[in-house]
C-alpha atoms as a PDB file:
ATOM      1  CA  MET A   1     101.897  96.895  51.142  1.00  0.00           C
ATOM      2  CA  ALA A   2      99.210  94.237  50.009  1.00  0.00           C
ATOM      3  CA  GLU A   3      97.369  95.204  47.397  1.00  0.00           C
ATOM      4  CA  ASN A   4      93.930  92.426  48.057  1.00  0.00           C
ATOM      5  CA  TYR A   5      92.416  94.261  50.797  1.00  0.00           C
ATOM      6  CA  ILE A   6      89.406  95.981  51.443  1.00  0.00           C
ATOM      7  CA  ILE A   7      88.935  99.574  52.968  1.00  0.00           C
ATOM      8  CA  TYR A   8      85.373 100.505  53.830  1.00  0.00           C
ATOM      9  CA  PRO A   9      84.106 103.965  53.110  1.00  0.00           C
ATOM     10  CA  GLY A  10      84.215 105.964  56.558  1.00  0.00           C
ATOM     11  CA  VAL A  11      88.028 104.621  57.789  1.00  0.00           C
ATOM     12  CA  GLU A  12      90.597 106.983  58.498  1.00  0.00           C
ATOM     13  CA  ILE A  13      94.239 105.280  58.988  1.00  0.00           C
ATOM     14  CA  GLY A  14      97.215 107.650  60.179  1.00  0.00           C
ATOM     15  CA  GLU A  15     100.464 107.668  58.292  1.00  0.00           C
ATOM     16  CA  ASN A  16     102.716 104.783  57.266  1.00  0.00           C
ATOM     17  CA  PRO A  17     100.121 101.788  58.078  1.00  0.00           C
ATOM     18  CA  SER A  18     100.973  98.131  56.768  1.00  0.00           C
ATOM     19  CA  ILE A  19      98.375  96.176  55.722  1.00  0.00           C
ATOM     20  CA  GLY A  20      98.248  92.974  54.866  1.00  0.00           C
ATOM     21  CA  GLU A  21      96.583  90.865  52.498  1.00  0.00           C
ATOM     22  CA  TYR A  22      93.013  89.971  52.940  1.00  0.00           C
ATOM     23  CA  VAL A  23      92.561  92.452  55.738  1.00  0.00           C
ATOM     24  CA  ILE A  24      89.179  94.229  56.245  1.00  0.00           C
ATOM     25  CA  LEU A  25      88.644  97.400  57.357  1.00  0.00           C
ATOM     26  CA  GLY A  26      85.612  98.994  58.347  1.00  0.00           C
ATOM     27  CA  GLN A  27      83.279  96.036  57.786  1.00  0.00           C
ATOM     28  CA  PRO A  28      79.560  97.533  58.836  1.00  0.00           C
ATOM     29  CA  PRO A  29      77.946  95.229  61.979  1.00  0.00           C
ATOM     30  CA  ARG A  30      74.495  93.982  60.736  1.00  0.00           C
ATOM     31  CA  GLY A  31      72.005  96.889  60.775  1.00  0.00           C
ATOM     32  CA  LYS A  32      74.608  99.359  59.439  1.00  0.00           C
ATOM     33  CA  ARG A  33      75.271 100.740  56.046  1.00  0.00           C
ATOM     34  CA  SER A  34      78.948 100.825  54.556  1.00  0.00           C
ATOM     35  CA  GLY A  35      80.428 104.248  55.722  1.00  0.00           C
ATOM     36  CA  GLU A  36      77.577 104.939  58.193  1.00  0.00           C
ATOM     37  CA  MET A  37      80.166 104.444  60.957  1.00  0.00           C
ATOM     38  CA  ASP A  38      83.564 106.401  61.555  1.00  0.00           C
ATOM     39  CA  THR A  39      86.598 104.042  62.131  1.00  0.00           C
ATOM     40  CA  GLN A  40      89.935 105.776  63.204  1.00  0.00           C
ATOM     41  CA  ILE A  41      93.124 104.036  63.492  1.00  0.00           C
ATOM     42  CA  GLY A  42      96.261 106.099  64.322  1.00  0.00           C
ATOM     43  CA  ALA A  43      99.599 106.145  62.797  1.00  0.00           C
ATOM     44  CA  GLN A  44     101.841 103.219  62.312  1.00  0.00           C
ATOM     45  CA  ALA A  45      99.464 100.723  62.238  1.00  0.00           C
ATOM     46  CA  ILE A  46     100.495  96.974  61.719  1.00  0.00           C
ATOM     47  CA  ILE A  47      97.738  95.051  60.544  1.00  0.00           C
ATOM     48  CA  ARG A  48      98.486  91.137  59.524  1.00  0.00           C
ATOM     49  CA  SER A  49      96.947  89.090  57.262  1.00  0.00           C
ATOM     50  CA  HIS A  50      92.977  87.997  57.381  1.00  0.00           C
ATOM     51  CA  THR A  51      92.471  90.711  60.094  1.00  0.00           C
ATOM     52  CA  VAL A  52      89.127  92.041  60.090  1.00  0.00           C
ATOM     53  CA  ILE A  53      88.199  95.451  61.802  1.00  0.00           C
ATOM     54  CA  TYR A  54      84.636  96.358  62.112  1.00  0.00           C
ATOM     55  CA  ALA A  55      83.199 100.143  61.763  1.00  0.00           C
ATOM     56  CA  GLY A  56      83.184 102.536  64.662  1.00  0.00           C
ATOM     57  CA  ASN A  57      86.258 101.459  66.586  1.00  0.00           C
ATOM     58  CA  ARG A  58      88.879 104.257  67.984  1.00  0.00           C
ATOM     59  CA  ILE A  59      91.894 103.024  67.663  1.00  0.00           C
ATOM     60  CA  GLY A  60      95.593 104.720  69.028  1.00  0.00           C
ATOM     61  CA  ASP A  61      98.729 104.931  66.828  1.00  0.00           C
ATOM     62  CA  TYR A  62     101.358 101.891  66.502  1.00  0.00           C
ATOM     63  CA  PHE A  63      98.220  99.373  66.970  1.00  0.00           C
ATOM     64  CA  GLN A  64      99.755  95.813  65.718  1.00  0.00           C
ATOM     65  CA  THR A  65      97.823  92.812  64.908  1.00  0.00           C
ATOM     66  CA  GLY A  66      98.915  89.200  64.401  1.00  0.00           C
ATOM     67  CA  HIS A  67      97.254  87.168  61.467  1.00  0.00           C
ATOM     68  CA  GLY A  68      93.474  86.035  61.605  1.00  0.00           C
ATOM     69  CA  VAL A  69      92.398  88.587  64.398  1.00  0.00           C
ATOM     70  CA  MET A  70      88.513  89.738  65.080  1.00  0.00           C
ATOM     71  CA  VAL A  71      87.774  93.115  66.253  1.00  0.00           C
ATOM     72  CA  ARG A  72      83.940  94.096  66.465  1.00  0.00           C
ATOM     73  CA  GLU A  73      82.523  97.338  66.480  1.00  0.00           C
ATOM     74  CA  GLU A  74      82.337 100.659  68.730  1.00  0.00           C
ATOM     75  CA  ASN A  75      86.028  99.934  70.609  1.00  0.00           C
ATOM     76  CA  GLU A  76      87.927 102.191  72.146  1.00  0.00           C
ATOM     77  CA  ILE A  77      91.738 101.077  71.943  1.00  0.00           C
ATOM     78  CA  GLY A  78      94.538 103.158  73.351  1.00  0.00           C
ATOM     79  CA  HIS A  79      98.246 103.533  71.892  1.00  0.00           C
ATOM     80  CA  HIS A  80     100.448 101.024  71.488  1.00  0.00           C
ATOM     81  CA  VAL A  81      98.191  97.747  71.627  1.00  0.00           C
ATOM     82  CA  SER A  82      98.792  94.540  70.087  1.00  0.00           C
ATOM     83  CA  ILE A  83      96.480  91.590  69.342  1.00  0.00           C
ATOM     84  CA  GLY A  84      98.031  87.942  68.656  1.00  0.00           C
ATOM     85  CA  THR A  85      97.398  85.580  66.244  1.00  0.00           C
ATOM     86  CA  GLY A  86      93.421  84.278  66.092  1.00  0.00           C
ATOM     87  CA  SER A  87      92.329  86.421  69.224  1.00  0.00           C
ATOM     88  CA  VAL A  88      88.968  87.915  69.153  1.00  0.00           C
ATOM     89  CA  VAL A  89      87.872  91.607  70.722  1.00  0.00           C
ATOM     90  CA  GLU A  90      84.265  91.556  70.552  1.00  0.00           C
ATOM     91  CA  HIS A  91      82.185  95.233  70.703  1.00  0.00           C
ATOM     92  CA  HIS A  92      82.144  97.693  73.223  1.00  0.00           C
ATOM     93  CA  VAL A  93      85.289  96.689  74.721  1.00  0.00           C
ATOM     94  CA  LYS A  94      87.278  99.168  76.287  1.00  0.00           C
ATOM     95  CA  ILE A  95      91.186  99.064  75.804  1.00  0.00           C
ATOM     96  CA  GLY A  96      93.787 101.365  77.589  1.00  0.00           C
ATOM     97  CA  HIS A  97      97.455 102.054  76.225  1.00  0.00           C
ATOM     98  CA  ASN A  98     100.408  99.685  75.737  1.00  0.00           C
ATOM     99  CA  VAL A  99      98.242  96.705  76.295  1.00  0.00           C
ATOM    100  CA  ARG A 100      98.924  93.122  75.490  1.00  0.00           C
ATOM    101  CA  ILE A 101      96.727  90.486  74.231  1.00  0.00           C
ATOM    102  CA  HIS A 102      98.591  87.143  73.234  1.00  0.00           C
ATOM    103  CA  SER A 103      97.325  84.646  70.731  1.00  0.00           C
ATOM    104  CA  GLN A 104      93.693  82.684  70.779  1.00  0.00           C
ATOM    105  CA  ALA A 105      92.544  84.832  73.970  1.00  0.00           C
ATOM    106  CA  PHE A 106      88.479  86.125  74.023  1.00  0.00           C
ATOM    107  CA  VAL A 107      87.562  89.746  74.963  1.00  0.00           C
ATOM    108  CA  PRO A 108      84.028  90.063  75.281  1.00  0.00           C
ATOM    109  CA  GLU A 109      81.857  92.675  75.010  1.00  0.00           C
ATOM    110  CA  TYR A 110      81.976  95.276  77.838  1.00  0.00           C
ATOM    111  CA  SER A 111      85.122  94.541  79.271  1.00  0.00           C
ATOM    112  CA  VAL A 112      87.732  96.833  79.724  1.00  0.00           C
ATOM    113  CA  LEU A 113      91.660  96.529  79.878  1.00  0.00           C
ATOM    114  CA  GLU A 114      93.501  99.103  81.500  1.00  0.00           C
ATOM    115  CA  ASP A 115      96.705 100.449  80.839  1.00  0.00           C
ATOM    116  CA  LYS A 116      99.891  97.888  80.428  1.00  0.00           C
ATOM    117  CA  CYS A 117      98.109  94.804  81.249  1.00  0.00           C
ATOM    118  CA  TRP A 118      99.040  91.512  79.709  1.00  0.00           C
ATOM    119  CA  ILE A 119      96.524  88.904  78.355  1.00  0.00           C
ATOM    120  CA  GLY A 120      98.395  85.578  78.097  1.00  0.00           C
ATOM    121  CA  PRO A 121      97.794  83.057  74.941  1.00  0.00           C
ATOM    122  CA  ASN A 122      94.123  81.460  75.182  1.00  0.00           C
ATOM    123  CA  VAL A 123      92.991  83.145  77.989  1.00  0.00           C
ATOM    124  CA  VAL A 124      88.876  83.647  78.245  1.00  0.00           C
ATOM    125  CA  LEU A 125      87.001  86.454  79.979  1.00  0.00           C
ATOM    126  CA  ILE A 126      83.290  85.574  80.016  1.00  0.00           C
ATOM    127  CA  ASN A 127      80.175  88.073  79.793  1.00  0.00           C
ATOM    128  CA  ALA A 128      77.438  86.323  80.480  1.00  0.00           C
ATOM    129  CA  LEU A 129      76.657  85.149  83.794  1.00  0.00           C
ATOM    130  CA  HIS A 130      73.752  82.582  82.719  1.00  0.00           C
ATOM    131  CA  PRO A 131      73.832  81.890  79.264  1.00  0.00           C
ATOM    132  CA  LEU A 132      70.750  81.283  77.408  1.00  0.00           C
ATOM    133  CA  CYS A 133      68.760  83.047  80.048  1.00  0.00           C
ATOM    134  CA  PRO A 134      66.047  85.457  78.894  1.00  0.00           C
ATOM    135  CA  LYS A 135      67.398  88.432  80.081  1.00  0.00           C
ATOM    136  CA  ALA A 136      71.422  87.180  79.566  1.00  0.00           C
ATOM    137  CA  LYS A 137      71.672  90.490  77.134  1.00  0.00           C
ATOM    138  CA  GLU A 138      70.593  92.879  79.834  1.00  0.00           C
ATOM    139  CA  CYS A 139      73.668  92.129  81.725  1.00  0.00           C
ATOM    140  CA  LEU A 140      76.574  91.425  79.749  1.00  0.00           C
ATOM    141  CA  LYS A 141      79.239  92.542  81.690  1.00  0.00           C
ATOM    142  CA  GLY A 142      82.824  91.427  81.167  1.00  0.00           C
ATOM    143  CA  PRO A 143      85.554  91.589  83.793  1.00  0.00           C
ATOM    144  CA  THR A 144      87.290  94.395  84.936  1.00  0.00           C
ATOM    145  CA  ILE A 145      91.468  94.153  84.559  1.00  0.00           C
ATOM    146  CA  LYS A 146      93.248  97.217  86.173  1.00  0.00           C
ATOM    147  CA  ALA A 147      96.314  98.659  85.027  1.00  0.00           C
ATOM    148  CA  GLY A 148      99.472  96.669  85.110  1.00  0.00           C
ATOM    149  CA  ALA A 149      97.378  93.235  85.517  1.00  0.00           C
ATOM    150  CA  LYS A 150      99.060  90.115  83.905  1.00  0.00           C
ATOM    151  CA  ILE A 151      96.575  87.202  83.347  1.00  0.00           C
ATOM    152  CA  GLY A 152      97.795  83.662  82.655  1.00  0.00           C
ATOM    153  CA  ALA A 153      97.556  81.169  79.178  1.00  0.00           C
ATOM    154  CA  ASN A 154      94.737  79.448  79.318  1.00  0.00           C
ATOM    155  CA  ALA A 155      93.083  81.445  82.596  1.00  0.00           C
ATOM    156  CA  THR A 156      88.815  81.812  82.332  1.00  0.00           C
ATOM    157  CA  LEU A 157      87.829  84.899  83.937  1.00  0.00           C
ATOM    158  CA  LEU A 158      84.035  84.747  84.883  1.00  0.00           C
ATOM    159  CA  PRO A 159      82.097  88.003  84.522  1.00  0.00           C
ATOM    160  CA  ASP A 160      81.849  91.409  86.393  1.00  0.00           C
ATOM    161  CA  ILE A 161      85.043  90.586  88.625  1.00  0.00           C
ATOM    162  CA  GLU A 162      87.820  92.902  88.778  1.00  0.00           C
ATOM    163  CA  ILE A 163      91.360  91.680  88.550  1.00  0.00           C
ATOM    164  CA  GLY A 164      93.500  94.413  90.582  1.00  0.00           C
ATOM    165  CA  GLU A 165      96.338  96.613  89.556  1.00  0.00           C
ATOM    166  CA  ASN A 166      99.433  94.226  89.164  1.00  0.00           C
ATOM    167  CA  ALA A 167      97.712  91.159  90.225  1.00  0.00           C
ATOM    168  CA  LEU A 168      99.241  88.057  88.477  1.00  0.00           C
ATOM    169  CA  VAL A 169      96.405  84.984  87.503  1.00  0.00           C
ATOM    170  CA  GLY A 170      98.392  81.993  87.282  1.00  0.00           C
ATOM    171  CA  ALA A 171      98.187  79.759  84.113  1.00  0.00           C
ATOM    172  CA  GLY A 172      95.135  77.541  83.534  1.00  0.00           C
ATOM    173  CA  SER A 173      93.539  79.390  86.371  1.00  0.00           C
ATOM    174  CA  VAL A 174      89.500  79.806  86.450  1.00  0.00           C
ATOM    175  CA  VAL A 175      88.968  83.400  88.421  1.00  0.00           C
ATOM    176  CA  VAL A 176      85.614  83.525  89.718  1.00  0.00           C
ATOM    177  CA  ASP A 177      86.193  86.637  92.682  1.00  0.00           C
ATOM    178  CA  ASP A 178      87.465  89.969  92.401  1.00  0.00           C
ATOM    179  CA  VAL A 179      91.771  89.666  93.059  1.00  0.00           C
ATOM    180  CA  PRO A 180      93.337  92.161  95.097  1.00  0.00           C
ATOM    181  CA  ALA A 181      95.805  94.643  93.497  1.00  0.00           C
ATOM    182  CA  ARG A 182      99.637  92.856  93.718  1.00  0.00           C
ATOM    183  CA  ALA A 183      98.113  89.621  94.267  1.00  0.00           C
ATOM    184  CA  VAL A 184      98.829  86.398  92.854  1.00  0.00           C
ATOM    185  CA  VAL A 185      95.781  83.655  92.429  1.00  0.00           C
ATOM    186  CA  ALA A 186      95.906  80.725  91.014  1.00  0.00           C
ATOM    187  CA  GLY A 187      94.042  77.167  90.738  1.00  0.00           C
ATOM    188  CA  ASN A 188      90.135  76.109  90.112  1.00  0.00           C
ATOM    189  CA  PRO A 189      88.519  78.067  91.601  1.00  0.00           C
ATOM    190  CA  ALA A 190      91.693  80.351  91.843  1.00  0.00           C
ATOM    191  CA  LYS A 191      92.838  81.335  95.543  1.00  0.00           C
ATOM    192  CA  PHE A 192      95.191  83.603  96.581  1.00  0.00           C
ATOM    193  CA  ILE A 193      98.885  82.456  97.279  1.00  0.00           C
ATOM    194  CA  LYS A 194     101.049  85.262  97.821  1.00  0.00           C
ATOM    195  CA  THR A 195     101.793  88.907  96.389  1.00  0.00           C
ATOM    196  CA  VAL A 196     103.689  90.036  93.333  1.00  0.00           C
ATOM    197  CA  ASP A 197     106.488  91.210  96.019  1.00  0.00           C
ATOM    198  CA  ASP A 198     106.667  87.759  97.457  1.00  0.00           C
ATOM    199  CA  LEU A 199     108.067  86.822  93.721  1.00  0.00           C
ATOM    200  CA  ASP A 200     111.423  85.989  93.036  1.00  0.00           C
ATOM    201  CA  CYS A 201     113.793  85.823  89.345  1.00  0.00           C
ATOM    202  CA  PRO A 202     114.323  81.855  90.115  1.00  0.00           C
ATOM    203  CA  TYR A 203     117.307  82.656  87.367  1.00  0.00           C
ATOM    204  CA  GLY A 204     118.888  85.046  89.352  1.00  0.00           C
ATOM    205  CA  LEU A 205     119.072  87.625  86.461  1.00  0.00           C
ATOM    206  CA  CYS A 206     116.942  90.516  88.693  1.00  0.00           C
ATOM    207  CA  GLU A 207     116.295  90.711  92.092  1.00  0.00           C
ATOM    208  CA  LYS A 208     112.297  91.066  91.497  1.00  0.00           C
ATOM    209  CA  PRO A 209     109.997  90.445  88.536  1.00  0.00           C
ATOM    210  CA  TYR A 210     107.923  92.831  89.455  1.00  0.00           C
END
């Protein structure tokens, strides 16, 4: 384990962590003192170099980051969650168990990612309906991604929409409305194409991919 990292007071880490170089754990947000907010990170965490995790987070076991990950304050993060290199998770986000967030993704405040959902690389979630509106911060609400849903690379999800359970959003899509459970949508704006039950493996490796 590296030696040149910073762990602020109030941080509790479970057994057998791996902490890389230049990691910062328990960074106090603006207006808070060092150690004022408790931070919990579960057992068997792998936190790679240049990751910054702010104070007030509740993170489960087997948490893993890539390099240069930013996790802001007061999030609830379950077990077996992985956040890829260069991704940003803002504050007051709820993330369930077995969630995978790939590299360079952006998850804004007040988003919800339920169990086993999958976020592809360069995905952007948005939480402000009207940026720079004088009341914008009073109605911030990120998307809700239900259990098992999958968001393809470079997709953009607008505020306050719901991606249904086990739905699939195609790469590069711009999603402006709710997506039903088990639906496949793609395009700009994203449109319904089929259901995941209609998908086949093009390589014949399995009968159905989902």
